[in-house]
Amino acid sequence: MQTSRADMTKSNKLKIWMAFLVALGSLALLWVSPGTASDRISLHDDFETGQLDESRWSLRRMHKRRHWIDKTYFRAGGRALAIRVKGFDLDRECGCQQNEVREANHRRLNFGDEAWYAFSFMIRGVGSPSGSQRWVIGGWKQETGGSAFLAQRFDRGIFHITLESGDTRVLLASAQGEAKSFMDVLKSGFLGPFSFLAEPARYSGESDITLTYGDDPQLPDPGNMWVDMMYRIKGGIDGNGFVEVYANGKFIVRAEGTVGVKEMGGPTQYFKMGHNRAPMPGIATLYMDNFKRGATRQEVESRPQ
């Protein structure tokens, strides 16, 4: 029985189409592979090489003479990243004193990706001796000109953590005062133990954030002492975001609801560490060690001994 040329052409086309579908299916499996997602999220640096790895970090906001790999103060191993700010420093672009390391552009995650972060840090030195002034010492920022949506702050020498929820700033935790009582204190009109907060009016708006606190939710003091921080973060301006904060191995707080600012200029977010503060006198050095970003808690949670 002879096969016509038309039948052969039809058969070949079918084989090619089936091969294409198989290849497409394999590509789809590779795309959703947990290993691939984990590899994309994973980013570690213990700074033991003796230099800052620019395949991991962007130095665009780092002053050349204000950072180094330090061999005197470290959490583990024998080195840590040191970032310094001085009273006469001034970044004219922001009108502030800024010296920060950031995740390299090609290592950024999309805003809304869930990831775990852990690192150790401490601060040596002082800032303004009086008055409350903005001092951000690390955080996570969307592609926006606004505030970091999750920020570590050091206003008036008090370590605290804030969250941007739409147009409202939320105090998550503090090394002074119980953050869970903050809203009642704010409504009373007398900030009392929270008088260190810069821009207190930012905290008075409405937010859908729900906060769940640990048994002992007070933050440790990173002044001249290493603090081990761990975060679980998922941004979400549609109300499905969450943040978990752990310090020195203990659960501090969980926030659920709108996490992020609405005026986004792009799809990604980045972690930053260093100094971004209002102009003020004083020299301060921040040390960071054992940075880890991962897809799971197990990947990042081991604490240095």
Protein backbone atom coordinates (compact mmCIF):
# COMPACT_ATOMS: atom_id res chain seq x y z
CA MET A 1 0.00 0.00 0.00
CA GLN A 2 1.49 3.32 -1.06
CA THR A 3 1.45 6.45 1.14
CA SER A 4 0.68 9.67 -0.64
CA ARG A 5 2.99 12.66 -0.36
CA ALA A 6 0.17 14.62 1.31
CA ASP A 7 -0.18 11.94 4.00
CA MET A 8 3.56 11.98 4.64
CA THR A 9 3.57 15.76 4.94
CA LYS A 10 0.64 15.61 7.33
CA SER A 11 2.38 12.94 9.42
CA ASN A 12 5.62 14.95 9.62
CA LYS A 13 3.75 18.05 10.70
CA LEU A 14 2.03 16.04 13.44
CA LYS A 15 5.37 14.69 14.69
CA ILE A 16 6.87 18.18 14.75
CA TRP A 17 3.85 19.51 16.62
CA MET A 18 4.01 16.70 19.19
CA ALA A 19 7.74 17.30 19.72
CA PHE A 20 7.04 20.98 20.26
CA LEU A 21 4.37 20.21 22.88
CA VAL A 22 6.74 17.83 24.73
CA ALA A 23 9.49 20.47 24.74
CA LEU A 24 7.04 23.11 25.95
CA GLY A 25 5.88 20.83 28.75
CA SER A 26 9.46 20.19 29.85
CA LEU A 27 10.16 23.91 29.86
CA ALA A 28 7.06 24.51 31.99
CA LEU A 29 8.17 21.89 34.51
CA LEU A 30 11.59 23.50 34.69
CA TRP A 31 10.00 26.94 35.20
CA VAL A 32 7.94 25.85 38.20
CA SER A 33 10.67 23.66 39.67
CA PRO A 34 11.12 24.42 43.40
CA GLY A 35 14.87 24.15 42.97
CA THR A 36 14.88 26.89 40.34
CA ALA A 37 12.79 29.21 42.53
CA SER A 38 15.02 28.54 45.53
CA ASP A 39 18.17 29.24 43.54
CA ARG A 40 16.73 32.54 42.34
CA ILE A 41 15.92 33.66 45.89
CA SER A 42 19.12 32.44 47.59
CA LEU A 43 21.75 35.09 48.29
CA HIS A 44 24.42 34.68 50.99
CA ASP A 45 27.49 36.67 52.02
CA ASP A 46 29.68 36.26 55.12
CA PHE A 47 32.23 38.86 53.87
CA GLU A 48 35.10 36.46 54.52
CA THR A 49 36.69 37.06 51.10
CA GLY A 50 37.98 40.42 52.34
CA GLN A 51 36.21 42.50 49.73
CA LEU A 52 32.65 43.48 48.88
CA ASP A 53 31.34 41.24 46.10
CA GLU A 54 29.77 43.44 43.42
CA SER A 55 28.04 40.43 41.87
CA ARG A 56 25.88 40.45 45.02
CA TRP A 57 25.84 44.13 46.00
CA SER A 58 25.35 47.52 44.41
CA LEU A 59 27.71 50.25 45.60
CA ARG A 60 25.81 53.07 43.89
CA ARG A 61 24.95 54.65 47.27
CA MET A 62 28.19 53.75 49.03
CA HIS A 63 30.88 56.33 49.77
CA LYS A 64 34.26 54.92 48.68
CA ARG A 65 36.06 56.01 51.87
CA ARG A 66 33.20 55.14 54.23
CA HIS A 67 33.06 51.34 53.96
CA TRP A 68 35.49 48.46 54.38
CA ILE A 69 35.76 44.81 55.40
CA ASP A 70 36.59 44.95 59.10
CA LYS A 71 38.77 42.42 60.95
CA THR A 72 38.18 43.79 64.47
CA TYR A 73 34.41 43.57 64.87
CA PHE A 74 32.68 40.49 63.45
CA ARG A 75 29.90 38.15 64.49
CA ALA A 76 31.54 34.94 63.25
CA GLY A 77 34.51 33.96 61.13
CA GLY A 78 36.98 36.82 61.05
CA ARG A 79 35.43 39.65 59.02
CA ALA A 80 32.33 41.83 58.70
CA LEU A 81 31.20 44.69 56.50
CA ALA A 82 31.64 48.15 58.10
CA ILE A 83 29.68 51.20 56.89
CA ARG A 84 30.38 54.62 58.39
CA VAL A 85 28.68 58.02 58.34
CA LYS A 86 30.17 61.31 59.56
CA GLY A 87 28.52 64.51 60.66
CA PHE A 88 29.72 66.61 57.74
CA ASP A 89 28.67 64.06 55.08
CA LEU A 90 25.89 65.29 52.79
CA ASP A 91 24.28 63.64 49.78
CA ARG A 92 22.94 66.62 47.83
CA GLU A 93 20.55 64.43 45.83
CA CYS A 94 18.51 63.55 48.93
CA GLY A 95 19.62 66.36 51.27
CA CYS A 96 20.57 63.67 53.78
CA GLN A 97 23.53 61.69 55.04
CA GLN A 98 23.43 58.48 53.04
CA ASN A 99 25.83 55.55 52.85
CA GLU A 100 24.16 52.23 52.05
CA VAL A 101 24.89 48.91 50.39
CA ARG A 102 22.05 47.45 48.33
CA GLU A 103 21.32 44.15 46.64
CA ALA A 104 22.69 44.21 43.10
CA ASN A 105 20.06 45.07 40.49
CA HIS A 106 20.13 41.62 38.87
CA ARG A 107 19.72 39.94 42.29
CA ARG A 108 16.57 41.83 43.27
CA LEU A 109 13.32 40.01 43.91
CA ASN A 110 9.90 41.02 42.65
CA PHE A 111 7.75 42.89 45.13
CA GLY A 112 5.34 40.26 46.43
CA ASP A 113 7.84 37.39 46.40
CA GLU A 114 8.00 35.59 49.73
CA ALA A 115 11.51 35.31 51.16
CA TRP A 116 13.39 34.87 54.44
CA TYR A 117 16.28 37.12 55.46
CA ALA A 118 18.78 36.87 58.30
CA PHE A 119 21.81 38.93 59.27
CA SER A 120 23.73 40.15 62.30
CA PHE A 121 24.48 43.82 62.92
CA MET A 122 25.58 46.35 65.51
CA ILE A 123 26.27 50.10 65.68
CA ARG A 124 29.16 51.91 67.32
CA GLY A 125 29.11 55.67 67.67
CA VAL A 126 26.51 58.38 68.13
CA GLY A 127 24.21 60.71 66.27
CA SER A 128 22.29 63.78 67.33
CA PRO A 129 22.41 64.13 71.14
CA SER A 130 18.94 65.67 71.35
CA GLY A 131 15.70 65.78 69.40
CA SER A 132 14.15 63.08 67.23
CA GLN A 133 15.51 62.90 63.70
CA ARG A 134 15.05 60.30 60.95
CA TRP A 135 17.76 57.63 60.86
CA VAL A 136 17.16 54.50 58.77
CA ILE A 137 19.74 51.75 59.31
CA GLY A 138 18.44 49.21 56.83
CA GLY A 139 15.28 47.94 55.24
CA TRP A 140 13.39 46.80 52.16
CA LYS A 141 12.32 49.21 49.49
CA GLN A 142 10.11 49.06 46.42
CA GLU A 143 11.06 50.87 43.24
CA THR A 144 9.76 54.18 44.52
CA GLY A 145 11.00 57.53 45.71
CA GLY A 146 9.16 57.06 49.00
CA SER A 147 10.08 55.34 52.24
CA ALA A 148 11.30 51.77 52.61
CA PHE A 149 8.18 49.63 53.09
CA LEU A 150 9.93 47.85 55.96
CA ALA A 151 12.58 49.83 57.82
CA GLN A 152 14.99 49.41 60.70
CA ARG A 153 15.33 52.80 62.39
CA PHE A 154 17.62 54.29 65.02
CA ASP A 155 15.97 57.62 65.83
CA ARG A 156 17.49 59.17 68.94
CA GLY A 157 19.53 56.01 69.42
CA ILE A 158 16.44 53.78 69.88
CA PHE A 159 16.24 50.76 67.59
CA HIS A 160 12.75 50.19 66.17
CA ILE A 161 11.08 48.71 63.11
CA THR A 162 8.37 50.35 61.01
CA LEU A 163 6.09 49.21 58.21
CA GLU A 164 4.53 51.29 55.44
CA SER A 165 0.90 50.24 54.92
CA GLY A 166 -0.55 52.33 52.11
CA ASP A 167 -0.41 55.92 53.37
CA THR A 168 0.14 54.96 57.02
CA ARG A 169 3.29 54.07 58.94
CA VAL A 170 2.96 51.29 61.53
CA LEU A 171 5.31 50.75 64.47
CA LEU A 172 6.00 47.02 64.61
CA ALA A 173 8.53 46.75 67.42
CA SER A 174 10.89 48.82 69.54
CA ALA A 175 13.81 48.48 71.95
CA GLN A 176 12.03 51.00 74.21
CA GLY A 177 8.39 50.80 75.27
CA GLU A 178 5.86 48.11 74.30
CA ALA A 179 4.92 48.64 70.65
CA LYS A 180 1.55 46.95 71.16
CA SER A 181 0.50 49.86 73.37
CA PHE A 182 1.65 52.50 70.89
CA MET A 183 -1.73 53.27 69.27
CA ASP A 184 -3.33 53.94 72.66
CA VAL A 185 -0.41 56.19 73.59
CA LEU A 186 -0.69 58.01 70.25
CA LYS A 187 -4.41 58.65 70.74
CA SER A 188 -3.70 60.11 74.17
CA GLY A 189 -1.59 62.83 72.56
CA PHE A 190 1.37 62.15 74.82
CA LEU A 191 4.02 59.95 73.19
CA GLY A 192 5.90 59.31 76.44
CA PRO A 193 8.24 56.34 75.89
CA PHE A 194 7.82 56.71 72.11
CA SER A 195 9.01 60.30 71.92
CA PHE A 196 12.02 59.14 69.92
CA LEU A 197 9.83 58.64 66.82
CA ALA A 198 10.47 61.06 63.98
CA GLU A 199 7.42 62.22 61.98
CA PRO A 200 4.81 61.00 64.50
CA ALA A 201 1.96 62.26 62.29
CA ARG A 202 2.80 59.49 59.80
CA TYR A 203 1.48 56.92 62.31
CA SER A 204 -1.98 58.42 62.82
CA GLY A 205 -3.71 57.17 59.65
CA GLU A 206 -5.97 54.16 59.16
CA SER A 207 -4.49 50.76 58.33
CA ASP A 208 -5.79 47.21 57.87
CA ILE A 209 -2.67 45.73 59.49
CA THR A 210 -3.26 43.04 62.13
CA LEU A 211 -0.42 42.59 64.62
CA THR A 212 0.36 39.44 66.61
CA TYR A 213 3.07 39.75 69.26
CA GLY A 214 5.38 37.25 70.90
CA ASP A 215 5.62 36.74 74.65
CA ASP A 216 8.52 39.19 74.93
CA PRO A 217 8.29 41.53 71.91
CA GLN A 218 10.89 44.10 72.91
CA LEU A 219 13.82 44.43 70.52
CA PRO A 220 17.44 44.12 71.71
CA ASP A 221 19.73 47.14 71.56
CA PRO A 222 22.30 46.98 68.71
CA GLY A 223 24.40 49.78 70.25
CA ASN A 224 27.85 48.21 70.73
CA MET A 225 26.34 44.71 70.77
CA TRP A 226 25.67 42.19 68.00
CA VAL A 227 21.99 41.54 67.27
CA ASP A 228 20.82 38.60 65.13
CA MET A 229 17.77 39.53 63.04
CA MET A 230 15.55 37.26 60.96
CA TYR A 231 12.60 38.34 58.80
CA ARG A 232 9.96 36.62 56.71
CA ILE A 233 8.59 39.08 54.16
CA LYS A 234 5.92 39.16 51.48
CA GLY A 235 4.86 42.54 50.15
CA GLY A 236 1.25 43.07 49.15
CA ILE A 237 -0.53 46.36 48.52
CA ASP A 238 -3.79 44.48 47.94
CA GLY A 239 -3.98 43.38 51.58
CA ASN A 240 -2.33 39.96 51.31
CA GLY A 241 1.13 40.90 52.57
CA PHE A 242 2.82 39.83 55.78
CA VAL A 243 5.99 40.36 57.79
CA GLU A 244 7.43 38.27 60.62
CA VAL A 245 10.24 39.61 62.81
CA TYR A 246 12.61 37.57 64.99
CA ALA A 247 15.49 38.91 67.09
CA ASN A 248 18.18 36.88 68.85
CA GLY A 249 16.20 33.73 68.19
CA LYS A 250 12.84 34.87 69.61
CA PHE A 251 9.61 35.73 67.80
CA ILE A 252 8.83 39.45 68.05
CA VAL A 253 5.81 40.25 65.88
CA ARG A 254 3.78 39.23 62.85
CA ALA A 255 2.00 41.82 60.69
CA GLU A 256 -0.70 40.89 58.15
CA GLY A 257 -2.53 43.12 55.69
CA THR A 258 -1.44 45.87 53.31
CA VAL A 259 2.36 45.79 53.19
CA GLY A 260 3.90 48.41 50.92
CA VAL A 261 3.34 51.81 49.37
CA LYS A 262 1.04 52.24 46.38
CA GLU A 263 3.20 54.58 44.30
CA MET A 264 5.44 51.90 42.76
CA GLY A 265 7.78 52.85 39.94
CA GLY A 266 8.62 49.28 38.96
CA PRO A 267 8.07 45.61 39.86
CA THR A 268 11.08 44.87 42.09
CA GLN A 269 12.21 45.42 45.66
CA TYR A 270 15.65 45.47 47.25
CA PHE A 271 17.28 45.05 50.65
CA LYS A 272 19.60 47.81 51.82
CA MET A 273 21.84 48.25 54.85
CA GLY A 274 23.78 51.22 56.17
CA HIS A 275 22.83 54.79 57.04
CA ASN A 276 20.19 57.09 55.61
CA ARG A 277 19.62 59.89 58.11
CA ALA A 278 18.77 63.55 58.43
CA PRO A 279 21.87 65.78 58.59
CA MET A 280 23.22 65.59 62.13
CA PRO A 281 26.55 65.71 63.96
CA GLY A 282 28.37 62.61 65.10
CA ILE A 283 30.22 59.62 63.67
CA ALA A 284 28.61 56.19 63.61
CA THR A 285 29.67 52.86 62.12
CA LEU A 286 27.30 50.01 61.34
CA TYR A 287 28.69 46.48 61.09
CA MET A 288 26.85 43.70 59.22
CA ASP A 289 27.78 40.02 59.12
CA ASN A 290 26.36 36.68 57.93
CA PHE A 291 23.76 37.99 55.49
CA LYS A 292 21.41 35.31 54.15
CA ARG A 293 18.37 35.46 51.87
CA GLY A 294 16.50 32.26 51.18
CA ALA A 295 13.25 30.59 50.21
CA THR A 296 12.85 28.82 53.57
CA ARG A 297 13.47 29.47 57.24
CA GLN A 298 15.81 26.50 57.42
CA GLU A 299 18.09 28.09 54.83
CA VAL A 300 18.72 31.25 56.85
CA GLU A 301 18.02 30.63 60.53
CA SER A 302 21.25 29.12 61.87
CA ARG A 303 22.70 31.64 64.35
CA PRO A 304 26.46 32.19 64.71
CA GLN A 305 27.96 30.74 67.88
